[in-house]
Amino acid sequence: EVQLQASGGGLVQPGESLRLSCAASGFTFSSYSMSWVRQAPGKRPEWVSTITPRNTIYADSVKGRFTISRDNSRNTVYLQMNNLKPEDTAVYYCVQVGTSNRGQGTQVTVSS
């Protein structure tokens, strides 16, 4: 059974940072690209970033502020989020690319 356990969310002020983690199990983690997707209340899910075995790509809205990384020895994907803005407020999910598998999400709230 595939499990994707996201953590690290919280309430922060604009300009602060958070680091999200997603622990994966139930599949060969190193063989898959992984993505972060977010969904704000009342809005459609928005793709944030993807990490492949060789590349990283970002949505324009987070480029230069967010960094995706992975540790294949820990089966974990990370999202370092710097200079957070109120518009980054959403539930963040990690996704196993090419499948319908998505974790339970972690809430990020950016507010003064």
N, C-alpha and C. Protein backbone atom coordinates (compact mmCIF):
# COMPACT_ATOMS: atom_id res chain seq x y z
N GLU A 1 0.84 -1.19 0.00
CA GLU A 1 0.00 0.00 0.00
C GLU A 1 0.88 1.25 0.00
N VAL A 2 0.61 2.14 -0.94
CA VAL A 2 1.36 3.40 -1.00
C VAL A 2 0.88 4.34 0.10
N GLN A 3 1.85 4.91 0.81
CA GLN A 3 1.54 5.93 1.80
C GLN A 3 2.44 7.13 1.58
N LEU A 4 1.83 8.31 1.65
CA LEU A 4 2.56 9.57 1.52
C LEU A 4 2.14 10.44 2.70
N GLN A 5 3.07 10.64 3.63
CA GLN A 5 2.77 11.34 4.87
C GLN A 5 3.45 12.70 4.88
N ALA A 6 2.67 13.74 4.65
CA ALA A 6 3.22 15.10 4.64
C ALA A 6 3.19 15.70 6.03
N SER A 7 4.17 16.53 6.32
CA SER A 7 4.26 17.19 7.62
C SER A 7 5.05 18.49 7.48
N GLY A 8 5.02 19.30 8.52
CA GLY A 8 5.83 20.50 8.54
C GLY A 8 5.08 21.79 8.34
N GLY A 9 3.80 21.71 8.09
CA GLY A 9 3.02 22.92 7.91
C GLY A 9 2.82 23.67 9.21
N GLY A 10 2.23 24.85 9.10
CA GLY A 10 1.98 25.64 10.29
C GLY A 10 1.54 27.04 9.94
N LEU A 11 1.46 27.87 10.98
CA LEU A 11 1.08 29.27 10.83
C LEU A 11 2.34 30.12 10.94
N VAL A 12 2.62 30.90 9.92
CA VAL A 12 3.78 31.78 9.92
C VAL A 12 3.38 33.16 9.43
N GLN A 13 4.27 34.11 9.67
CA GLN A 13 4.04 35.46 9.18
C GLN A 13 4.66 35.63 7.80
N PRO A 14 4.18 36.59 7.04
CA PRO A 14 4.78 36.86 5.73
C PRO A 14 6.29 37.08 5.86
N GLY A 15 7.02 36.51 4.92
CA GLY A 15 8.47 36.63 4.93
C GLY A 15 9.19 35.51 5.65
N GLU A 16 8.45 34.73 6.42
CA GLU A 16 9.08 33.63 7.15
C GLU A 16 9.19 32.39 6.27
N SER A 17 9.76 31.35 6.87
CA SER A 17 10.05 30.12 6.12
C SER A 17 9.41 28.91 6.79
N LEU A 18 9.19 27.88 6.00
CA LEU A 18 8.77 26.57 6.47
C LEU A 18 9.43 25.51 5.60
N ARG A 19 9.62 24.35 6.19
CA ARG A 19 10.12 23.21 5.43
C ARG A 19 9.13 22.06 5.56
N LEU A 20 8.56 21.67 4.44
CA LEU A 20 7.64 20.54 4.42
C LEU A 20 8.40 19.26 4.10
N SER A 21 7.92 18.18 4.68
CA SER A 21 8.48 16.86 4.40
C SER A 21 7.36 15.92 3.98
N CYS A 22 7.70 14.96 3.17
CA CYS A 22 6.73 13.93 2.79
C CYS A 22 7.46 12.59 2.80
N ALA A 23 7.08 11.76 3.75
CA ALA A 23 7.67 10.44 3.87
C ALA A 23 6.86 9.44 3.05
N ALA A 24 7.52 8.73 2.18
CA ALA A 24 6.85 7.81 1.25
C ALA A 24 7.15 6.36 1.61
N SER A 25 6.19 5.50 1.34
CA SER A 25 6.40 4.07 1.52
C SER A 25 5.47 3.30 0.60
N GLY A 26 5.80 2.03 0.37
CA GLY A 26 4.94 1.18 -0.44
C GLY A 26 5.29 1.14 -1.91
N PHE A 27 6.36 1.83 -2.30
CA PHE A 27 6.81 1.79 -3.70
C PHE A 27 8.30 2.12 -3.73
N THR A 28 8.91 1.88 -4.89
CA THR A 28 10.34 2.16 -5.05
C THR A 28 10.51 3.66 -5.26
N PHE A 29 10.75 4.36 -4.17
CA PHE A 29 10.73 5.82 -4.16
C PHE A 29 11.70 6.42 -5.18
N SER A 30 12.89 5.87 -5.27
CA SER A 30 13.91 6.47 -6.13
C SER A 30 13.56 6.38 -7.61
N SER A 31 12.60 5.54 -7.94
CA SER A 31 12.23 5.36 -9.35
C SER A 31 11.18 6.34 -9.83
N TYR A 32 10.65 7.13 -8.93
CA TYR A 32 9.54 8.02 -9.28
C TYR A 32 9.90 9.49 -9.10
N SER A 33 9.39 10.28 -10.02
CA SER A 33 9.36 11.71 -9.78
C SER A 33 8.29 12.00 -8.74
N MET A 34 8.51 13.06 -7.99
CA MET A 34 7.57 13.45 -6.94
C MET A 34 7.22 14.93 -7.10
N SER A 35 6.01 15.25 -6.77
CA SER A 35 5.56 16.63 -6.89
C SER A 35 4.93 17.12 -5.60
N TRP A 36 4.90 18.42 -5.48
CA TRP A 36 4.08 19.08 -4.46
C TRP A 36 2.97 19.83 -5.19
N VAL A 37 1.80 19.70 -4.65
CA VAL A 37 0.61 20.37 -5.17
C VAL A 37 -0.06 21.06 -3.98
N ARG A 38 -0.67 22.19 -4.21
CA ARG A 38 -1.37 22.86 -3.12
C ARG A 38 -2.79 23.22 -3.53
N GLN A 39 -3.62 23.34 -2.52
CA GLN A 39 -5.02 23.72 -2.78
C GLN A 39 -5.48 24.68 -1.72
N ALA A 40 -5.83 25.87 -2.16
CA ALA A 40 -6.38 26.88 -1.27
C ALA A 40 -7.89 26.70 -1.19
N PRO A 41 -8.51 27.18 -0.11
CA PRO A 41 -9.96 27.02 0.05
C PRO A 41 -10.71 27.61 -1.14
N GLY A 42 -11.61 26.83 -1.69
CA GLY A 42 -12.44 27.29 -2.79
C GLY A 42 -11.75 27.38 -4.13
N LYS A 43 -10.51 26.89 -4.19
CA LYS A 43 -9.76 26.97 -5.45
C LYS A 43 -9.38 25.58 -5.94
N ARG A 44 -9.01 25.52 -7.21
CA ARG A 44 -8.54 24.27 -7.78
C ARG A 44 -7.13 23.96 -7.27
N PRO A 45 -6.77 22.69 -7.28
CA PRO A 45 -5.39 22.34 -6.93
C PRO A 45 -4.40 23.03 -7.88
N GLU A 46 -3.28 23.45 -7.34
CA GLU A 46 -2.25 24.14 -8.11
C GLU A 46 -0.94 23.38 -7.99
N TRP A 47 -0.36 23.02 -9.12
CA TRP A 47 0.94 22.38 -9.09
C TRP A 47 1.99 23.39 -8.62
N VAL A 48 2.89 22.93 -7.76
CA VAL A 48 3.91 23.80 -7.19
C VAL A 48 5.31 23.46 -7.72
N SER A 49 5.66 22.18 -7.65
CA SER A 49 7.02 21.81 -8.02
C SER A 49 7.11 20.30 -8.24
N THR A 50 8.07 19.91 -9.06
CA THR A 50 8.34 18.49 -9.31
C THR A 50 9.84 18.24 -9.27
N ILE A 51 10.20 17.11 -8.71
CA ILE A 51 11.59 16.68 -8.74
C ILE A 51 11.66 15.32 -9.43
N THR A 52 12.45 15.26 -10.46
CA THR A 52 12.69 14.01 -11.18
C THR A 52 14.01 13.44 -10.68
N PRO A 53 14.42 12.31 -11.17
CA PRO A 53 15.75 11.81 -10.76
C PRO A 53 16.88 12.77 -11.10
N ARG A 54 16.63 13.71 -12.03
CA ARG A 54 17.73 14.60 -12.43
C ARG A 54 17.39 16.09 -12.39
N ASN A 55 16.12 16.42 -12.41
CA ASN A 55 15.75 17.82 -12.56
C ASN A 55 14.76 18.27 -11.51
N THR A 56 14.68 19.59 -11.37
CA THR A 56 13.64 20.19 -10.55
C THR A 56 12.97 21.28 -11.38
N ILE A 57 11.67 21.39 -11.24
CA ILE A 57 10.92 22.42 -11.94
C ILE A 57 9.91 23.04 -10.98
N TYR A 58 9.60 24.30 -11.24
CA TYR A 58 8.78 25.08 -10.32
C TYR A 58 7.72 25.88 -11.06
N ALA A 59 6.62 26.09 -10.39
CA ALA A 59 5.63 27.04 -10.88
C ALA A 59 6.22 28.45 -10.79
N ASP A 60 5.82 29.29 -11.69
CA ASP A 60 6.33 30.67 -11.69
C ASP A 60 6.04 31.38 -10.37
N SER A 61 4.93 31.03 -9.76
CA SER A 61 4.51 31.70 -8.53
C SER A 61 5.44 31.43 -7.35
N VAL A 62 6.24 30.37 -7.42
CA VAL A 62 7.11 30.03 -6.30
C VAL A 62 8.59 30.02 -6.67
N LYS A 63 8.88 30.19 -7.95
CA LYS A 63 10.27 30.13 -8.42
C LYS A 63 11.11 31.18 -7.70
N GLY A 64 12.26 30.74 -7.22
CA GLY A 64 13.15 31.64 -6.50
C GLY A 64 12.88 31.71 -5.01
N ARG A 65 11.75 31.18 -4.58
CA ARG A 65 11.41 31.18 -3.15
C ARG A 65 11.35 29.77 -2.57
N PHE A 66 10.91 28.82 -3.36
CA PHE A 66 10.76 27.43 -2.91
C PHE A 66 11.84 26.56 -3.53
N THR A 67 12.26 25.56 -2.77
CA THR A 67 13.23 24.59 -3.25
C THR A 67 12.76 23.18 -2.92
N ILE A 68 12.64 22.36 -3.95
CA ILE A 68 12.27 20.96 -3.74
C ILE A 68 13.54 20.11 -3.72
N SER A 69 13.54 19.10 -2.87
CA SER A 69 14.68 18.19 -2.81
C SER A 69 14.19 16.82 -2.35
N ARG A 70 15.06 15.85 -2.44
CA ARG A 70 14.68 14.51 -2.03
C ARG A 70 15.87 13.81 -1.40
N ASP A 71 15.56 12.89 -0.52
CA ASP A 71 16.57 12.02 0.08
C ASP A 71 16.10 10.59 -0.17
N ASN A 72 16.67 9.96 -1.16
CA ASN A 72 16.22 8.62 -1.52
C ASN A 72 16.54 7.59 -0.43
N SER A 73 17.54 7.89 0.39
CA SER A 73 17.87 6.95 1.48
C SER A 73 16.81 6.98 2.58
N ARG A 74 16.08 8.07 2.65
CA ARG A 74 15.01 8.22 3.65
C ARG A 74 13.62 8.14 3.03
N ASN A 75 13.55 7.94 1.70
CA ASN A 75 12.25 7.92 0.99
C ASN A 75 11.43 9.16 1.32
N THR A 76 12.08 10.29 1.27
CA THR A 76 11.43 11.54 1.67
C THR A 76 11.69 12.63 0.64
N VAL A 77 10.66 13.40 0.38
CA VAL A 77 10.77 14.58 -0.46
C VAL A 77 10.47 15.80 0.40
N TYR A 78 11.19 16.88 0.14
CA TYR A 78 11.07 18.09 0.95
C TYR A 78 10.65 19.27 0.08
N LEU A 79 10.10 20.27 0.73
CA LEU A 79 9.82 21.54 0.08
C LEU A 79 10.21 22.64 1.05
N GLN A 80 11.33 23.29 0.75
CA GLN A 80 11.77 24.43 1.54
C GLN A 80 11.09 25.67 0.99
N MET A 81 10.36 26.35 1.84
CA MET A 81 9.58 27.51 1.40
C MET A 81 10.09 28.73 2.14
N ASN A 82 10.66 29.65 1.39
CA ASN A 82 11.18 30.89 1.97
C ASN A 82 10.36 32.08 1.51
N ASN A 83 10.48 33.17 2.24
CA ASN A 83 9.79 34.41 1.89
C ASN A 83 8.30 34.13 1.60
N LEU A 84 7.67 33.47 2.53
CA LEU A 84 6.28 33.08 2.32
C LEU A 84 5.37 34.28 2.24
N LYS A 85 4.33 34.15 1.42
CA LYS A 85 3.37 35.21 1.19
C LYS A 85 1.97 34.72 1.57
N PRO A 86 1.06 35.63 1.86
CA PRO A 86 -0.31 35.19 2.20
C PRO A 86 -0.93 34.32 1.12
N GLU A 87 -0.59 34.58 -0.13
CA GLU A 87 -1.16 33.78 -1.23
C GLU A 87 -0.61 32.36 -1.29
N ASP A 88 0.38 32.06 -0.47
CA ASP A 88 0.88 30.68 -0.37
C ASP A 88 0.03 29.83 0.58
N THR A 89 -0.91 30.46 1.24
CA THR A 89 -1.78 29.73 2.17
C THR A 89 -2.58 28.67 1.43
N ALA A 90 -2.45 27.43 1.88
CA ALA A 90 -3.11 26.30 1.22
C ALA A 90 -2.79 25.03 1.98
N VAL A 91 -3.47 23.96 1.62
CA VAL A 91 -3.06 22.63 2.04
C VAL A 91 -2.10 22.11 0.99
N TYR A 92 -0.95 21.66 1.44
CA TYR A 92 0.10 21.17 0.54
C TYR A 92 0.12 19.65 0.58
N TYR A 93 0.14 19.07 -0.62
CA TYR A 93 0.14 17.62 -0.77
C TYR A 93 1.37 17.18 -1.55
N CYS A 94 1.90 16.03 -1.20
CA CYS A 94 2.90 15.43 -2.07
C CYS A 94 2.22 14.37 -2.93
N VAL A 95 2.72 14.24 -4.14
CA VAL A 95 2.09 13.39 -5.14
C VAL A 95 3.15 12.50 -5.79
N GLN A 96 2.82 11.24 -5.93
CA GLN A 96 3.66 10.31 -6.69
C GLN A 96 3.31 10.51 -8.16
N VAL A 97 4.22 11.08 -8.91
CA VAL A 97 3.96 11.42 -10.30
C VAL A 97 3.62 10.17 -11.13
N GLY A 98 2.62 10.31 -11.96
CA GLY A 98 2.21 9.20 -12.82
C GLY A 98 1.20 8.27 -12.19
N THR A 99 0.79 8.60 -10.99
CA THR A 99 -0.22 7.80 -10.29
C THR A 99 -1.26 8.75 -9.69
N SER A 100 -2.26 8.16 -9.08
CA SER A 100 -3.26 8.97 -8.38
C SER A 100 -2.97 9.07 -6.89
N ASN A 101 -1.79 8.66 -6.50
CA ASN A 101 -1.45 8.63 -5.07
C ASN A 101 -1.07 10.02 -4.57
N ARG A 102 -1.75 10.42 -3.53
CA ARG A 102 -1.53 11.73 -2.92
C ARG A 102 -1.65 11.58 -1.41
N GLY A 103 -0.78 12.27 -0.70
CA GLY A 103 -0.82 12.21 0.75
C GLY A 103 -1.99 13.00 1.32
N GLN A 104 -2.07 13.00 2.65
CA GLN A 104 -3.20 13.63 3.32
C GLN A 104 -3.06 15.14 3.40
N GLY A 105 -1.89 15.68 3.12
CA GLY A 105 -1.70 17.11 3.10
C GLY A 105 -1.32 17.69 4.44
N THR A 106 -0.70 18.88 4.36
CA THR A 106 -0.34 19.63 5.56
C THR A 106 -0.70 21.08 5.32
N GLN A 107 -1.31 21.70 6.32
CA GLN A 107 -1.82 23.07 6.17
C GLN A 107 -0.70 24.08 6.37
N VAL A 108 -0.62 25.00 5.43
CA VAL A 108 0.29 26.14 5.54
C VAL A 108 -0.56 27.40 5.54
N THR A 109 -0.40 28.20 6.57
CA THR A 109 -1.13 29.46 6.68
C THR A 109 -0.13 30.59 6.87
N VAL A 110 -0.20 31.56 5.99
CA VAL A 110 0.70 32.72 6.05
C VAL A 110 -0.16 33.95 6.34
N SER A 111 0.03 34.49 7.51
CA SER A 111 -0.82 35.60 7.93
C SER A 111 -0.12 36.43 8.98
N SER A 112 -0.36 37.72 8.93
CA SER A 112 0.20 38.60 9.95
C SER A 112 -0.82 38.81 11.07
